[in-house]
Amino acid sequence: MLRAVSFVTPALATWVRVPGGLWVHNTCVHEVANGEVADFPDCPYESYSADEHEPNGDIMQRVPLSPKVQCYAQMAVSTSVSEFTQMNASFVVPPLPRSHSGQTVYLWPGFKAIEPVMYKPVLQPVLQYYGSGGWQLQSWGVGIPAGTMTGPAIDVSPGDLLTSYMELSGNTWTVYGQNTRTGQESVLRLSKSQACNGCLYTNAVFVNENVMGRGQCDLYPDNHEVEFKDIIVNGKVDHNTKWEIRYPCGSPDCQQKVISSEDGRTVELTWNGADPVPTPSPLPTPGPTPSPGGCHAISEVVTDDWCVQNCAAGYCPADFCAGCGSVLV
């Protein structure tokens, strides 16, 4: 069944900034109910790259550098000669940023058409934070002929386990995300021609995309990483994908790193916020002294208070904290 449902932004702004690096006209941002197959006419308005443009009222103008820079701070990329047809990944919602200043944080797996850069077509289940409130999970198709399509946005909390996939079955793409704690889903389904008429999704990516000034490390999530696990590619568990590391924003400004396992089944995007990682000494130095009988840090990177607060919120990495109850391994 085909159904067309338009999405109107709360602020009724003419231009809407969307994940994937675009400004899209608000009449070309469409939300589709879970399970429906989207069918929309091509967007009559041009979309603009968000790293080079800013709206001035109803007019889009080119600027050398936006006041808040939208870019891919770090990403892992695998490019294929043929189209990717499926990728699964699971990940845990990190804590909220320690500071809130109108920033946007997008963390997502996805497929990119044409080339793995901003403003090219992308299918992506996105963990998103808009500078206040909480995290949401939402499935997106961006840079596509109709402009942008989304599934419903669902609320998620720090510590929630999310599962996600993009899959092409016959002539239909599905972009899927689920909060395993609540069972809520965000599902976007669209035809192959609606997803990208005449082009192929030949780039698999994992991305930390943000809208903030360079060096504003306290605007990142108040931990050190998001880890994408259980990655399955084109239906294969043992796929041995080699992930290329990229920092499209420029040299890492908040100690970002991209770490992938040799078998390609895990990709970590790490950062350190405003707290720099201690420089290693020539000789080994002892870790922090555990607090007897209580939740405490076992890594020099975090403090006892950090462990108490984050473990209580459900995010408790075993290599950072101990004695805090349930931990992530």
Protein backbone atom coordinates (compact mmCIF):
# COMPACT_ATOMS: atom_id res chain seq x y z
CA MET A 1 0.00 0.00 0.00
CA LEU A 2 1.34 3.45 -0.92
CA ARG A 3 0.69 6.34 1.38
CA ALA A 4 1.99 9.91 1.31
CA VAL A 5 2.22 11.76 4.63
CA SER A 6 3.85 15.19 4.85
CA PHE A 7 5.94 16.23 7.84
CA VAL A 8 5.79 19.90 8.89
CA THR A 9 8.50 21.22 11.19
CA PRO A 10 7.31 22.75 14.47
CA ALA A 11 8.95 26.11 13.76
CA LEU A 12 7.58 26.23 10.19
CA ALA A 13 11.01 27.25 8.98
CA THR A 14 11.42 27.43 5.22
CA TRP A 15 14.63 25.38 5.33
CA VAL A 16 15.23 22.34 7.51
CA ARG A 17 18.69 21.04 8.45
CA VAL A 18 18.75 17.25 8.19
CA PRO A 19 21.28 14.48 8.93
CA GLY A 20 23.40 13.65 5.94
CA GLY A 21 24.49 17.25 5.45
CA LEU A 22 21.68 19.11 3.70
CA TRP A 23 19.28 22.02 3.99
CA VAL A 24 15.94 20.81 2.58
CA HIS A 25 12.84 22.88 1.83
CA ASN A 26 10.19 22.20 4.47
CA THR A 27 7.64 21.09 1.86
CA CYS A 28 10.04 18.29 0.89
CA VAL A 29 10.44 16.74 4.36
CA HIS A 30 7.98 13.85 4.58
CA GLU A 31 7.21 11.55 7.51
CA VAL A 32 5.83 8.11 6.70
CA ALA A 33 3.97 5.84 9.11
CA ASN A 34 5.75 2.65 10.14
CA GLY A 35 5.20 -0.11 7.59
CA GLU A 36 3.86 2.13 4.82
CA VAL A 37 5.73 2.43 1.51
CA ALA A 38 6.47 6.04 0.70
CA ASP A 39 5.52 7.54 -2.67
CA PHE A 40 6.20 11.24 -3.23
CA PRO A 41 6.81 13.44 -6.27
CA ASP A 42 10.29 14.85 -6.82
CA CYS A 43 11.03 17.89 -4.70
CA PRO A 44 10.67 21.06 -6.84
CA TYR A 45 13.27 22.88 -4.70
CA GLU A 46 17.02 22.46 -4.73
CA SER A 47 18.64 21.11 -1.56
CA TYR A 48 21.83 22.77 -0.33
CA SER A 49 24.95 21.43 1.33
CA ALA A 50 24.83 22.37 5.01
CA ASP A 51 28.57 22.90 5.33
CA GLU A 52 28.57 25.70 2.72
CA HIS A 53 25.17 27.38 3.06
CA GLU A 54 22.97 29.15 5.62
CA PRO A 55 19.39 30.41 5.19
CA ASN A 56 18.75 34.14 5.23
CA GLY A 57 15.01 34.20 5.73
CA ASP A 58 13.52 32.30 2.80
CA ILE A 59 16.69 32.70 0.75
CA MET A 60 19.60 30.25 0.90
CA GLN A 61 23.00 31.93 0.70
CA ARG A 62 26.48 30.53 0.29
CA VAL A 63 28.86 31.26 3.17
CA PRO A 64 32.54 30.37 3.62
CA LEU A 65 31.92 28.90 7.08
CA SER A 66 28.62 28.44 8.87
CA PRO A 67 28.32 29.78 12.44
CA LYS A 68 27.67 26.20 13.53
CA VAL A 69 29.58 23.77 11.36
CA GLN A 70 27.76 20.64 10.19
CA CYS A 71 30.20 17.97 9.15
CA TYR A 72 31.27 14.37 9.64
CA ALA A 73 33.67 14.55 12.58
CA GLN A 74 34.68 10.91 12.13
CA MET A 75 33.60 8.00 9.98
CA ALA A 76 34.38 4.45 8.92
CA VAL A 77 33.81 3.70 5.23
CA SER A 78 33.72 0.62 3.02
CA THR A 79 33.20 1.12 -0.72
CA SER A 80 32.07 -1.70 -3.03
CA VAL A 81 31.96 -2.03 -6.80
CA SER A 82 28.42 -3.37 -6.46
CA GLU A 83 25.50 -2.09 -4.39
CA PHE A 84 25.23 -2.98 -0.71
CA THR A 85 21.90 -4.65 -0.04
CA GLN A 86 21.93 -5.15 3.73
CA MET A 87 23.76 -4.13 6.91
CA ASN A 88 22.82 -4.74 10.55
CA ALA A 89 24.39 -3.11 13.60
CA SER A 90 23.53 -2.71 17.29
CA PHE A 91 24.74 0.02 19.64
CA VAL A 92 24.07 1.52 23.07
CA VAL A 93 22.74 5.04 23.60
CA PRO A 94 25.48 7.14 25.25
CA PRO A 95 24.90 9.68 28.02
CA LEU A 96 23.63 13.11 27.06
CA PRO A 97 26.22 15.84 26.45
CA ARG A 98 27.50 17.50 29.58
CA SER A 99 26.81 20.95 28.09
CA HIS A 100 23.80 22.10 26.08
CA SER A 101 24.29 24.98 23.67
CA GLY A 102 21.98 24.30 20.76
CA GLN A 103 24.34 21.75 19.22
CA THR A 104 23.20 18.79 17.16
CA VAL A 105 24.73 15.31 17.42
CA TYR A 106 23.94 12.54 14.94
CA LEU A 107 25.37 9.02 15.37
CA TRP A 108 24.46 6.54 12.66
CA PRO A 109 25.20 3.58 10.41
CA GLY A 110 24.13 4.01 6.82
CA PHE A 111 24.48 3.48 3.10
CA LYS A 112 25.70 6.33 0.89
CA ALA A 113 25.10 6.54 -2.85
CA ILE A 114 27.58 7.95 -5.38
CA GLU A 115 30.33 8.74 -2.85
CA PRO A 116 30.65 8.79 0.96
CA VAL A 117 30.49 12.56 1.50
CA MET A 118 27.92 15.00 2.84
CA TYR A 119 24.92 15.96 0.68
CA LYS A 120 25.00 12.72 -1.35
CA PRO A 121 21.97 10.39 -0.98
CA VAL A 122 21.95 8.39 2.24
CA LEU A 123 19.76 5.79 4.00
CA GLN A 124 20.34 5.92 7.76
CA PRO A 125 18.78 5.01 11.12
CA VAL A 126 19.96 8.00 13.19
CA LEU A 127 20.48 8.46 16.92
CA GLN A 128 19.90 12.21 17.24
CA TYR A 129 20.21 14.95 19.85
CA TYR A 130 19.14 18.53 19.19
CA GLY A 131 20.74 20.52 22.02
CA SER A 132 18.01 20.03 24.63
CA GLY A 133 15.64 17.32 25.77
CA GLY A 134 16.77 13.75 25.17
CA TRP A 135 17.96 11.32 22.52
CA GLN A 136 15.72 10.11 19.71
CA LEU A 137 16.05 7.35 17.12
CA GLN A 138 14.69 8.02 13.64
CA SER A 139 15.06 6.36 10.23
CA TRP A 140 15.91 8.75 7.37
CA GLY A 141 16.31 8.87 3.61
CA VAL A 142 18.14 12.10 2.70
CA GLY A 143 19.23 13.63 -0.59
CA ILE A 144 16.71 11.50 -2.46
CA PRO A 145 14.48 12.65 -5.35
CA ALA A 146 11.57 13.65 -3.05
CA GLY A 147 13.94 15.58 -0.76
CA THR A 148 13.82 13.78 2.57
CA MET A 149 11.69 10.98 4.02
CA THR A 150 11.60 9.76 7.62
CA GLY A 151 10.02 7.16 9.80
CA PRO A 152 8.60 8.27 13.17
CA ALA A 153 11.02 9.58 15.78
CA ILE A 154 11.05 7.49 18.98
CA ASP A 155 12.45 8.43 22.37
CA VAL A 156 15.43 6.51 23.72
CA SER A 157 17.46 6.84 26.92
CA PRO A 158 21.14 6.49 27.84
CA GLY A 159 21.96 2.80 28.21
CA ASP A 160 19.22 1.58 25.84
CA LEU A 161 20.34 -1.05 23.34
CA LEU A 162 19.39 -0.16 19.77
CA THR A 163 19.24 -2.51 16.80
CA SER A 164 19.27 -1.24 13.24
CA TYR A 165 19.50 -2.25 9.62
CA MET A 166 19.19 -1.10 6.02
CA GLU A 167 17.94 -3.73 3.59
CA LEU A 168 16.97 -3.93 -0.08
CA SER A 169 14.39 -6.64 -0.74
CA GLY A 170 13.15 -6.84 -4.30
CA ASN A 171 12.37 -3.24 -5.23
CA THR A 172 11.92 -1.92 -1.70
CA TRP A 173 14.43 -0.43 0.74
CA THR A 174 13.79 -0.65 4.48
CA VAL A 175 15.60 1.57 7.00
CA TYR A 176 14.97 0.23 10.51
CA GLY A 177 15.74 1.12 14.11
CA GLN A 178 14.41 -0.36 17.34
CA ASN A 179 14.74 0.44 21.04
CA THR A 180 15.01 -3.06 22.52
CA ARG A 181 14.01 -1.81 25.98
CA THR A 182 10.62 -0.45 24.88
CA GLY A 183 10.11 -2.38 21.64
CA GLN A 184 9.37 0.87 19.79
CA GLU A 185 10.46 1.05 16.15
CA SER A 186 11.19 3.66 13.50
CA VAL A 187 10.70 2.09 10.08
CA LEU A 188 11.08 3.83 6.73
CA ARG A 189 10.16 1.89 3.59
CA LEU A 190 10.59 3.31 0.11
CA SER A 191 10.95 2.02 -3.42
CA LYS A 192 14.35 1.74 -5.07
CA SER A 193 13.54 4.59 -7.46
CA GLN A 194 12.39 6.78 -4.55
CA ALA A 195 15.63 5.99 -2.70
CA CYS A 196 17.85 7.09 -5.58
CA ASN A 197 16.70 7.10 -9.19
CA GLY A 198 19.55 5.75 -11.31
CA CYS A 199 22.27 5.52 -8.67
CA LEU A 200 23.54 2.75 -6.36
CA TYR A 201 24.30 2.61 -2.64
CA THR A 202 27.90 1.42 -2.89
CA ASN A 203 29.24 2.93 0.35
CA ALA A 204 28.64 1.50 3.84
CA VAL A 205 29.46 3.98 6.62
CA PHE A 206 29.44 4.57 10.37
CA VAL A 207 29.38 8.27 11.20
CA ASN A 208 29.61 10.80 14.01
CA GLU A 209 28.02 13.88 12.44
CA ASN A 210 27.54 17.08 14.38
CA VAL A 211 26.54 20.73 14.18
CA MET A 212 28.80 22.73 16.48
CA GLY A 213 31.91 24.84 16.45
CA ARG A 214 35.31 23.23 16.16
CA GLY A 215 36.91 22.39 19.50
CA GLN A 216 33.67 22.46 21.51
CA CYS A 217 34.42 19.10 23.06
CA ASP A 218 32.05 19.54 26.01
CA LEU A 219 29.14 19.45 23.54
CA TYR A 220 29.84 15.78 22.77
CA PRO A 221 28.06 12.95 24.64
CA ASP A 222 29.40 12.78 28.19
CA ASN A 223 31.34 9.56 27.69
CA HIS A 224 34.04 8.46 25.29
CA GLU A 225 32.49 6.39 22.51
CA VAL A 226 29.72 4.75 20.59
CA GLU A 227 30.45 1.16 19.60
CA PHE A 228 28.63 -0.45 16.70
CA LYS A 229 28.56 -4.22 17.25
CA ASP A 230 27.24 -7.38 15.60
CA ILE A 231 27.76 -5.86 12.16
CA ILE A 232 26.38 -8.08 9.40
CA VAL A 233 27.00 -7.08 5.77
CA ASN A 234 24.98 -8.41 2.81
CA GLY A 235 23.68 -11.22 4.99
CA LYS A 236 27.14 -12.43 6.00
CA VAL A 237 28.26 -12.69 9.62
CA ASP A 238 31.84 -13.50 8.59
CA HIS A 239 32.29 -10.72 6.04
CA ASN A 240 35.77 -9.40 7.04
CA THR A 241 34.94 -5.89 5.86
CA LYS A 242 37.88 -3.51 5.92
CA TRP A 243 36.82 -0.10 7.20
CA GLU A 244 38.66 2.99 5.98
CA ILE A 245 39.14 5.77 8.55
CA ARG A 246 38.20 9.34 7.65
CA TYR A 247 37.95 12.69 9.46
CA PRO A 248 36.08 14.91 6.98
CA CYS A 249 35.80 17.89 9.39
CA GLY A 250 39.60 18.12 9.44
CA SER A 251 42.19 16.93 11.90
CA PRO A 252 40.50 15.57 15.06
CA ASP A 253 39.72 18.47 17.40
CA CYS A 254 38.33 16.39 20.29
CA GLN A 255 40.71 13.44 20.12
CA GLN A 256 38.38 11.47 17.85
CA LYS A 257 39.46 8.02 16.76
CA VAL A 258 37.93 5.30 14.61
CA ILE A 259 38.72 1.73 15.65
CA SER A 260 37.51 -1.36 13.82
CA SER A 261 38.02 -5.03 14.56
CA GLU A 262 39.99 -7.18 12.12
CA ASP A 263 36.90 -9.17 11.21
CA GLY A 264 34.97 -5.96 10.49
CA ARG A 265 32.17 -6.82 12.90
CA THR A 266 32.81 -3.96 15.34
CA VAL A 267 33.41 -0.25 14.72
CA GLU A 268 34.12 2.19 17.55
CA LEU A 269 33.89 5.95 17.21
CA THR A 270 35.66 7.45 20.21
CA TRP A 271 36.11 10.97 21.58
CA ASN A 272 37.20 12.48 24.87
CA GLY A 273 35.13 15.61 25.39
CA ALA A 274 36.75 18.45 27.25
CA ASP A 275 38.86 16.09 29.40
CA PRO A 276 42.10 15.21 27.58
CA VAL A 277 43.43 11.69 27.79
CA PRO A 278 46.53 11.71 30.04
CA THR A 279 49.80 11.50 28.12
CA PRO A 280 51.38 8.08 28.79
CA SER A 281 54.45 8.20 31.02
CA PRO A 282 57.61 6.32 30.05
CA LEU A 283 57.06 3.99 33.00
CA PRO A 284 53.76 2.35 33.91
CA THR A 285 51.72 4.32 36.43
CA PRO A 286 49.21 2.72 38.81
CA GLY A 287 45.50 3.12 38.13
CA PRO A 288 43.22 4.92 40.55
CA THR A 289 42.84 3.33 43.96
CA PRO A 290 39.45 1.62 44.17
CA SER A 291 36.96 2.95 46.66
CA PRO A 292 36.29 -0.01 48.99
CA GLY A 293 32.90 -1.57 48.46
CA GLY A 294 31.56 1.14 46.15
CA CYS A 295 31.20 2.15 42.53
CA HIS A 296 34.59 3.48 41.40
CA ALA A 297 36.84 4.20 38.44
CA ILE A 298 39.46 1.69 37.31
CA SER A 299 40.75 3.87 34.46
CA GLU A 300 42.65 7.15 34.66
CA VAL A 301 40.39 8.54 31.95
CA VAL A 302 37.32 8.81 34.24
CA THR A 303 36.61 9.65 37.88
CA ASP A 304 34.68 7.88 40.64
CA ASP A 305 31.90 10.48 40.29
CA TRP A 306 31.72 9.84 36.53
CA CYS A 307 31.21 6.13 37.17
CA VAL A 308 28.57 6.71 39.85
CA GLN A 309 26.54 9.05 37.63
CA ASN A 310 26.84 7.16 34.34
CA CYS A 311 26.40 3.67 35.77
CA ALA A 312 23.25 4.86 37.55
CA ALA A 313 22.04 6.05 34.12
CA GLY A 314 22.72 2.63 32.60
CA TYR A 315 26.03 3.29 30.81
CA CYS A 316 28.79 1.46 32.69
CA PRO A 317 31.81 0.35 30.60
CA ALA A 318 33.68 -2.50 32.30
CA ASP A 319 37.06 -1.06 31.28
CA PHE A 320 36.27 2.23 33.03
CA CYS A 321 34.26 1.29 36.17
CA ALA A 322 33.92 -1.46 38.76
CA GLY A 323 31.70 -2.23 41.74
CA CYS A 324 28.75 -0.47 40.10
CA GLY A 325 26.40 -3.37 39.50
CA SER A 326 25.65 -4.29 35.89
CA VAL A 327 28.41 -3.24 33.49
CA LEU A 328 28.90 -3.20 29.73
CA VAL A 329 31.65 -5.45 28.42
